[in-house]
Amino acid sequence: MRLGSAIPALPVRDVPRAVEHYRAKFGFEAVHQDDGLAVLVRDDLRLHLWYADDQGWQLRPVDDMLDSPVRTGAESFLAGTASCRISVEPREAIDEIYSDLAAAGVLHPTDAGAPRDTDFGTREFAALDLDGNLLEFYCWTGPG
């Protein structure tokens, strides 16, 4: 048995608006889009954006929310809570994509002014989408 690649699925508040954001800021193309789901592609990467629209949680008793806040998996408060790590190749391209995303204004607020080198063998930086989902871009620099 062999597993294939994973596709990050990020919750968003407005699928059409998020698709336009990913196109304009991150360079993705939508290969499928409806009211509840978008499939985006850039190079070899696929991302799914799904509509987190269930407002029913607002009507539930507080004790019920404390016990189990997520019931349907599409609660609106989930938008902006996901993250994914995106591999960048070749390794030299990490600085180029960093510059592109800095110019697009989507870098994480704690950005250090350049990709950072980690103790575990990566060079990486983080960006945020329109809803606050975290996208970490990285390349391997060591044995990893």
N, C-alpha and C. Protein backbone atom coordinates (compact mmCIF):
# COMPACT_ATOMS: atom_id res chain seq x y z
N MET A 1 0.85 -1.18 0.00
CA MET A 1 0.00 0.00 0.00
C MET A 1 0.89 1.24 0.00
N ARG A 2 0.43 2.26 -0.72
CA ARG A 2 1.17 3.51 -0.80
C ARG A 2 0.18 4.66 -0.78
N LEU A 3 0.42 5.63 0.09
CA LEU A 3 -0.43 6.80 0.15
C LEU A 3 0.01 7.82 -0.90
N GLY A 4 -0.94 8.58 -1.40
CA GLY A 4 -0.64 9.64 -2.36
C GLY A 4 -0.46 10.96 -1.65
N SER A 5 -0.56 12.03 -2.39
CA SER A 5 -0.39 13.35 -1.80
C SER A 5 -1.66 13.79 -1.08
N ALA A 6 -1.51 14.74 -0.19
CA ALA A 6 -2.64 15.31 0.56
C ALA A 6 -3.06 16.63 -0.09
N ILE A 7 -4.33 16.96 0.04
CA ILE A 7 -4.84 18.23 -0.46
C ILE A 7 -5.37 19.03 0.72
N PRO A 8 -4.72 20.15 1.05
CA PRO A 8 -5.25 20.98 2.14
C PRO A 8 -6.64 21.49 1.80
N ALA A 9 -7.53 21.48 2.78
CA ALA A 9 -8.89 22.01 2.63
C ALA A 9 -9.08 23.09 3.68
N LEU A 10 -9.21 24.32 3.24
CA LEU A 10 -9.24 25.47 4.14
C LEU A 10 -10.65 26.06 4.22
N PRO A 11 -11.16 26.30 5.43
CA PRO A 11 -12.49 26.89 5.58
C PRO A 11 -12.47 28.39 5.33
N VAL A 12 -13.44 28.87 4.55
CA VAL A 12 -13.53 30.30 4.23
C VAL A 12 -14.96 30.79 4.43
N ARG A 13 -15.12 32.09 4.60
CA ARG A 13 -16.44 32.69 4.82
C ARG A 13 -17.20 33.00 3.53
N ASP A 14 -16.47 33.15 2.42
CA ASP A 14 -17.08 33.54 1.15
C ASP A 14 -16.23 32.93 0.03
N VAL A 15 -16.73 31.86 -0.58
CA VAL A 15 -15.94 31.13 -1.58
C VAL A 15 -15.55 32.01 -2.77
N PRO A 16 -16.48 32.71 -3.43
CA PRO A 16 -16.06 33.53 -4.58
C PRO A 16 -15.02 34.60 -4.22
N ARG A 17 -15.20 35.23 -3.09
CA ARG A 17 -14.24 36.26 -2.65
C ARG A 17 -12.87 35.63 -2.35
N ALA A 18 -12.87 34.47 -1.71
CA ALA A 18 -11.61 33.78 -1.40
C ALA A 18 -10.91 33.34 -2.68
N VAL A 19 -11.66 32.84 -3.65
CA VAL A 19 -11.07 32.42 -4.92
C VAL A 19 -10.37 33.60 -5.59
N GLU A 20 -11.02 34.74 -5.62
CA GLU A 20 -10.42 35.92 -6.23
C GLU A 20 -9.15 36.34 -5.46
N HIS A 21 -9.19 36.24 -4.14
CA HIS A 21 -8.02 36.56 -3.31
C HIS A 21 -6.85 35.63 -3.63
N TYR A 22 -7.12 34.33 -3.70
CA TYR A 22 -6.06 33.37 -4.01
C TYR A 22 -5.52 33.57 -5.43
N ARG A 23 -6.37 33.99 -6.35
CA ARG A 23 -5.92 34.26 -7.72
C ARG A 23 -5.02 35.50 -7.74
N ALA A 24 -5.51 36.58 -7.17
CA ALA A 24 -4.80 37.85 -7.23
C ALA A 24 -3.54 37.89 -6.37
N LYS A 25 -3.60 37.31 -5.19
CA LYS A 25 -2.48 37.43 -4.25
C LYS A 25 -1.50 36.26 -4.30
N PHE A 26 -2.00 35.04 -4.53
CA PHE A 26 -1.15 33.85 -4.47
C PHE A 26 -0.90 33.20 -5.83
N GLY A 27 -1.59 33.65 -6.88
CA GLY A 27 -1.35 33.11 -8.22
C GLY A 27 -2.03 31.79 -8.53
N PHE A 28 -3.09 31.46 -7.81
CA PHE A 28 -3.82 30.21 -8.06
C PHE A 28 -4.86 30.40 -9.16
N GLU A 29 -5.24 29.29 -9.78
CA GLU A 29 -6.31 29.26 -10.77
C GLU A 29 -7.40 28.33 -10.25
N ALA A 30 -8.65 28.72 -10.38
CA ALA A 30 -9.77 27.87 -9.98
C ALA A 30 -10.08 26.90 -11.11
N VAL A 31 -10.05 25.59 -10.80
CA VAL A 31 -10.44 24.58 -11.79
C VAL A 31 -11.84 24.06 -11.51
N HIS A 32 -12.38 24.41 -10.35
CA HIS A 32 -13.77 24.12 -10.01
C HIS A 32 -14.21 25.15 -8.98
N GLN A 33 -15.45 25.60 -9.12
CA GLN A 33 -15.99 26.52 -8.13
C GLN A 33 -17.50 26.43 -8.12
N ASP A 34 -18.06 26.25 -6.93
CA ASP A 34 -19.50 26.38 -6.74
C ASP A 34 -19.70 27.11 -5.42
N ASP A 35 -20.93 27.17 -4.94
CA ASP A 35 -21.20 27.94 -3.72
C ASP A 35 -20.51 27.39 -2.48
N GLY A 36 -20.22 26.09 -2.46
CA GLY A 36 -19.68 25.48 -1.26
C GLY A 36 -18.24 25.04 -1.33
N LEU A 37 -17.65 25.00 -2.53
CA LEU A 37 -16.30 24.45 -2.66
C LEU A 37 -15.60 25.04 -3.87
N ALA A 38 -14.32 25.28 -3.71
CA ALA A 38 -13.48 25.66 -4.85
C ALA A 38 -12.24 24.78 -4.83
N VAL A 39 -11.80 24.38 -6.00
CA VAL A 39 -10.56 23.63 -6.17
C VAL A 39 -9.61 24.56 -6.92
N LEU A 40 -8.49 24.86 -6.27
CA LEU A 40 -7.50 25.78 -6.82
C LEU A 40 -6.23 25.03 -7.17
N VAL A 41 -5.54 25.50 -8.20
CA VAL A 41 -4.31 24.87 -8.65
C VAL A 41 -3.26 25.94 -8.93
N ARG A 42 -2.05 25.65 -8.51
CA ARG A 42 -0.87 26.41 -8.92
C ARG A 42 0.27 25.42 -9.02
N ASP A 43 0.85 25.30 -10.19
CA ASP A 43 1.90 24.32 -10.44
C ASP A 43 1.39 22.93 -10.05
N ASP A 44 2.10 22.23 -9.16
CA ASP A 44 1.68 20.88 -8.74
C ASP A 44 0.81 20.89 -7.49
N LEU A 45 0.49 22.07 -6.98
CA LEU A 45 -0.26 22.18 -5.73
C LEU A 45 -1.75 22.35 -5.98
N ARG A 46 -2.55 21.61 -5.24
CA ARG A 46 -4.00 21.77 -5.23
C ARG A 46 -4.42 22.20 -3.83
N LEU A 47 -5.35 23.12 -3.77
CA LEU A 47 -5.97 23.55 -2.51
C LEU A 47 -7.48 23.48 -2.68
N HIS A 48 -8.17 23.09 -1.64
CA HIS A 48 -9.62 23.16 -1.62
C HIS A 48 -10.03 24.26 -0.64
N LEU A 49 -10.97 25.07 -1.03
CA LEU A 49 -11.57 26.07 -0.15
C LEU A 49 -13.02 25.67 0.04
N TRP A 50 -13.46 25.55 1.30
CA TRP A 50 -14.85 25.15 1.54
C TRP A 50 -15.55 26.19 2.40
N TYR A 51 -16.84 26.30 2.16
CA TYR A 51 -17.67 27.32 2.77
C TYR A 51 -18.05 26.93 4.19
N ALA A 52 -17.53 27.66 5.17
CA ALA A 52 -17.88 27.46 6.57
C ALA A 52 -19.01 28.44 6.89
N ASP A 53 -20.25 27.96 6.78
CA ASP A 53 -21.39 28.87 6.83
C ASP A 53 -22.44 28.54 7.88
N ASP A 54 -22.25 27.48 8.64
CA ASP A 54 -23.28 27.08 9.61
C ASP A 54 -23.32 28.07 10.77
N GLN A 55 -24.41 28.81 10.88
CA GLN A 55 -24.60 29.79 11.95
C GLN A 55 -25.36 29.21 13.13
N GLY A 56 -25.79 27.94 13.03
CA GLY A 56 -26.61 27.33 14.07
C GLY A 56 -25.96 27.32 15.45
N TRP A 57 -24.66 27.33 15.50
CA TRP A 57 -23.95 27.32 16.78
C TRP A 57 -24.33 28.53 17.64
N GLN A 58 -24.73 29.63 17.01
CA GLN A 58 -25.07 30.84 17.76
C GLN A 58 -26.36 30.68 18.56
N LEU A 59 -27.17 29.69 18.21
CA LEU A 59 -28.44 29.47 18.89
C LEU A 59 -28.36 28.40 19.98
N ARG A 60 -27.21 27.75 20.08
CA ARG A 60 -27.06 26.67 21.06
C ARG A 60 -26.77 27.23 22.45
N PRO A 61 -27.22 26.53 23.50
CA PRO A 61 -26.92 26.97 24.87
C PRO A 61 -25.40 26.99 25.12
N VAL A 62 -24.96 27.90 25.95
CA VAL A 62 -23.54 28.05 26.25
C VAL A 62 -22.94 26.75 26.76
N ASP A 63 -23.62 26.06 27.66
CA ASP A 63 -23.10 24.80 28.19
C ASP A 63 -22.88 23.78 27.08
N ASP A 64 -23.77 23.76 26.12
CA ASP A 64 -23.64 22.85 24.98
C ASP A 64 -22.41 23.20 24.15
N MET A 65 -22.16 24.48 23.97
CA MET A 65 -21.00 24.94 23.20
C MET A 65 -19.70 24.60 23.91
N LEU A 66 -19.69 24.71 25.23
CA LEU A 66 -18.49 24.40 25.99
C LEU A 66 -18.16 22.92 25.90
N ASP A 67 -19.19 22.09 25.89
CA ASP A 67 -19.00 20.64 25.84
C ASP A 67 -18.53 20.19 24.46
N SER A 68 -19.13 20.72 23.42
CA SER A 68 -18.82 20.27 22.06
C SER A 68 -19.13 21.39 21.06
N PRO A 69 -18.19 22.31 20.85
CA PRO A 69 -18.49 23.46 19.99
C PRO A 69 -18.70 23.09 18.51
N VAL A 70 -18.03 22.06 18.04
CA VAL A 70 -18.15 21.68 16.64
C VAL A 70 -19.10 20.50 16.51
N ARG A 71 -20.18 20.68 15.77
CA ARG A 71 -21.15 19.61 15.54
C ARG A 71 -21.22 19.23 14.07
N THR A 72 -21.37 20.23 13.20
CA THR A 72 -21.55 19.94 11.78
C THR A 72 -20.23 19.93 11.02
N GLY A 73 -19.22 20.56 11.57
CA GLY A 73 -17.95 20.67 10.87
C GLY A 73 -17.91 21.82 9.88
N ALA A 74 -19.02 22.54 9.75
CA ALA A 74 -19.07 23.68 8.83
C ALA A 74 -19.44 24.97 9.57
N GLU A 75 -19.22 24.99 10.88
CA GLU A 75 -19.52 26.18 11.67
C GLU A 75 -18.75 27.38 11.14
N SER A 76 -19.41 28.52 11.11
CA SER A 76 -18.80 29.72 10.55
C SER A 76 -17.54 30.15 11.31
N PHE A 77 -17.46 29.82 12.59
CA PHE A 77 -16.28 30.23 13.35
C PHE A 77 -15.03 29.45 12.97
N LEU A 78 -15.17 28.41 12.15
CA LEU A 78 -14.01 27.64 11.71
C LEU A 78 -13.22 28.36 10.61
N ALA A 79 -13.86 29.27 9.89
CA ALA A 79 -13.16 29.99 8.82
C ALA A 79 -11.96 30.73 9.42
N GLY A 80 -10.81 30.52 8.82
CA GLY A 80 -9.60 31.18 9.29
C GLY A 80 -8.85 30.44 10.37
N THR A 81 -9.22 29.19 10.65
CA THR A 81 -8.54 28.44 11.72
C THR A 81 -7.62 27.35 11.20
N ALA A 82 -7.49 27.21 9.90
CA ALA A 82 -6.70 26.11 9.33
C ALA A 82 -5.30 26.58 8.94
N SER A 83 -4.46 25.61 8.68
CA SER A 83 -3.12 25.92 8.20
C SER A 83 -2.63 24.80 7.30
N CYS A 84 -1.65 25.12 6.48
CA CYS A 84 -1.00 24.09 5.67
C CYS A 84 0.43 24.54 5.39
N ARG A 85 1.26 23.57 5.07
CA ARG A 85 2.65 23.85 4.72
C ARG A 85 2.82 23.52 3.24
N ILE A 86 3.45 24.43 2.51
CA ILE A 86 3.58 24.31 1.07
C ILE A 86 5.06 24.25 0.72
N SER A 87 5.46 23.16 0.11
CA SER A 87 6.84 22.96 -0.29
C SER A 87 7.15 23.79 -1.54
N VAL A 88 8.29 24.46 -1.53
CA VAL A 88 8.73 25.29 -2.65
C VAL A 88 9.99 24.66 -3.24
N GLU A 89 9.99 24.46 -4.55
CA GLU A 89 11.15 23.92 -5.24
C GLU A 89 11.41 24.73 -6.49
N PRO A 90 12.65 24.90 -6.90
CA PRO A 90 13.86 24.52 -6.20
C PRO A 90 14.08 25.40 -4.97
N ARG A 91 14.99 25.01 -4.19
CA ARG A 91 15.24 25.67 -2.91
C ARG A 91 15.47 27.18 -3.06
N GLU A 92 16.11 27.57 -4.14
CA GLU A 92 16.41 28.99 -4.36
C GLU A 92 15.15 29.83 -4.58
N ALA A 93 14.04 29.19 -4.92
CA ALA A 93 12.80 29.91 -5.23
C ALA A 93 12.09 30.46 -4.00
N ILE A 94 12.48 30.03 -2.80
CA ILE A 94 11.79 30.47 -1.59
C ILE A 94 11.90 31.99 -1.44
N ASP A 95 13.05 32.57 -1.77
CA ASP A 95 13.22 34.01 -1.66
C ASP A 95 12.39 34.76 -2.70
N GLU A 96 12.25 34.18 -3.88
CA GLU A 96 11.45 34.80 -4.94
C GLU A 96 9.97 34.82 -4.57
N ILE A 97 9.45 33.69 -4.09
CA ILE A 97 8.03 33.67 -3.72
C ILE A 97 7.79 34.54 -2.49
N TYR A 98 8.78 34.62 -1.60
CA TYR A 98 8.67 35.53 -0.46
C TYR A 98 8.48 36.97 -0.96
N SER A 99 9.32 37.39 -1.90
CA SER A 99 9.22 38.75 -2.45
C SER A 99 7.88 38.99 -3.11
N ASP A 100 7.40 37.99 -3.87
CA ASP A 100 6.10 38.12 -4.54
C ASP A 100 4.97 38.30 -3.53
N LEU A 101 4.99 37.50 -2.47
CA LEU A 101 3.91 37.56 -1.48
C LEU A 101 4.04 38.78 -0.58
N ALA A 102 5.27 39.25 -0.36
CA ALA A 102 5.45 40.51 0.37
C ALA A 102 4.83 41.66 -0.43
N ALA A 103 5.08 41.68 -1.73
CA ALA A 103 4.50 42.72 -2.59
C ALA A 103 2.97 42.62 -2.63
N ALA A 104 2.44 41.41 -2.49
CA ALA A 104 0.99 41.20 -2.50
C ALA A 104 0.36 41.56 -1.16
N GLY A 105 1.18 41.78 -0.13
CA GLY A 105 0.67 42.19 1.18
C GLY A 105 0.01 41.10 1.98
N VAL A 106 0.46 39.85 1.82
CA VAL A 106 -0.19 38.75 2.53
C VAL A 106 0.72 38.06 3.55
N LEU A 107 1.90 38.61 3.81
CA LEU A 107 2.78 37.98 4.79
C LEU A 107 2.18 38.05 6.19
N HIS A 108 2.51 37.06 7.01
CA HIS A 108 2.04 37.02 8.39
C HIS A 108 2.54 38.26 9.13
N PRO A 109 1.74 38.82 10.04
CA PRO A 109 2.15 40.03 10.77
C PRO A 109 3.46 39.90 11.54
N THR A 110 3.85 38.69 11.91
CA THR A 110 5.10 38.52 12.65
C THR A 110 6.29 38.30 11.71
N ASP A 111 6.11 38.56 10.44
CA ASP A 111 7.16 38.39 9.45
C ASP A 111 8.44 39.09 9.89
N ALA A 112 9.57 38.42 9.67
CA ALA A 112 10.87 38.94 10.12
C ALA A 112 11.61 39.71 9.03
N GLY A 113 11.00 39.94 7.88
CA GLY A 113 11.67 40.67 6.81
C GLY A 113 12.36 39.80 5.79
N ALA A 114 12.38 38.50 6.03
CA ALA A 114 12.97 37.54 5.10
C ALA A 114 12.58 36.14 5.56
N PRO A 115 12.66 35.16 4.68
CA PRO A 115 12.44 33.79 5.15
C PRO A 115 13.46 33.46 6.24
N ARG A 116 13.05 32.63 7.18
CA ARG A 116 13.97 32.30 8.28
C ARG A 116 14.46 30.86 8.13
N ASP A 117 15.68 30.64 8.58
CA ASP A 117 16.26 29.30 8.58
C ASP A 117 15.99 28.66 9.93
N THR A 118 15.51 27.42 9.91
CA THR A 118 15.16 26.72 11.14
C THR A 118 16.25 25.74 11.55
N ASP A 119 16.19 25.31 12.81
CA ASP A 119 17.12 24.31 13.33
C ASP A 119 16.84 22.93 12.75
N PHE A 120 15.65 22.73 12.18
CA PHE A 120 15.30 21.40 11.68
C PHE A 120 15.45 21.29 10.16
N GLY A 121 16.17 22.23 9.55
CA GLY A 121 16.56 22.07 8.16
C GLY A 121 15.63 22.63 7.11
N THR A 122 14.91 23.71 7.45
CA THR A 122 14.08 24.37 6.44
C THR A 122 14.38 25.86 6.39
N ARG A 123 14.02 26.45 5.29
CA ARG A 123 13.97 27.91 5.16
C ARG A 123 12.51 28.20 4.87
N GLU A 124 11.87 29.09 5.65
CA GLU A 124 10.42 29.22 5.55
C GLU A 124 9.92 30.60 5.95
N PHE A 125 8.66 30.83 5.58
CA PHE A 125 7.95 32.03 5.99
C PHE A 125 6.46 31.73 5.95
N ALA A 126 5.68 32.61 6.56
CA ALA A 126 4.23 32.39 6.65
C ALA A 126 3.47 33.54 6.01
N ALA A 127 2.30 33.19 5.49
CA ALA A 127 1.37 34.16 4.91
C ALA A 127 -0.03 33.83 5.40
N LEU A 128 -0.92 34.79 5.28
CA LEU A 128 -2.32 34.60 5.69
C LEU A 128 -3.24 34.87 4.50
N ASP A 129 -4.31 34.08 4.42
CA ASP A 129 -5.31 34.39 3.40
C ASP A 129 -6.31 35.39 3.94
N LEU A 130 -7.31 35.69 3.17
CA LEU A 130 -8.32 36.69 3.50
C LEU A 130 -9.04 36.40 4.81
N ASP A 131 -9.22 35.12 5.13
CA ASP A 131 -9.93 34.72 6.35
C ASP A 131 -9.02 34.50 7.54
N GLY A 132 -7.71 34.48 7.31
CA GLY A 132 -6.76 34.24 8.39
C GLY A 132 -6.20 32.84 8.42
N ASN A 133 -6.51 32.00 7.42
CA ASN A 133 -5.87 30.69 7.34
C ASN A 133 -4.38 30.89 7.09
N LEU A 134 -3.57 30.05 7.72
CA LEU A 134 -2.12 30.18 7.67
C LEU A 134 -1.55 29.30 6.56
N LEU A 135 -0.74 29.89 5.70
CA LEU A 135 -0.03 29.16 4.66
C LEU A 135 1.46 29.34 4.92
N GLU A 136 2.13 28.25 5.24
CA GLU A 136 3.57 28.30 5.50
C GLU A 136 4.29 27.75 4.27
N PHE A 137 5.16 28.56 3.71
CA PHE A 137 5.95 28.17 2.54
C PHE A 137 7.34 27.79 3.04
N TYR A 138 7.86 26.66 2.55
CA TYR A 138 9.16 26.19 3.04
C TYR A 138 9.92 25.46 1.94
N CYS A 139 11.22 25.37 2.13
CA CYS A 139 12.06 24.49 1.33
C CYS A 139 13.03 23.81 2.28
N TRP A 140 13.44 22.61 1.91
CA TRP A 140 14.41 21.87 2.71
C TRP A 140 15.80 22.42 2.43
N THR A 141 16.57 22.64 3.49
CA THR A 141 17.94 23.11 3.35
C THR A 141 18.93 22.14 3.96
N GLY A 142 18.43 21.20 4.74
CA GLY A 142 19.28 20.24 5.41
C GLY A 142 18.75 18.84 5.23
N PRO A 143 19.21 17.93 6.07
CA PRO A 143 18.83 16.53 5.93
C PRO A 143 17.34 16.26 6.11
N GLY A 144 16.62 17.07 6.94
CA GLY A 144 15.19 16.96 7.13
C GLY A 144 14.68 15.59 7.12
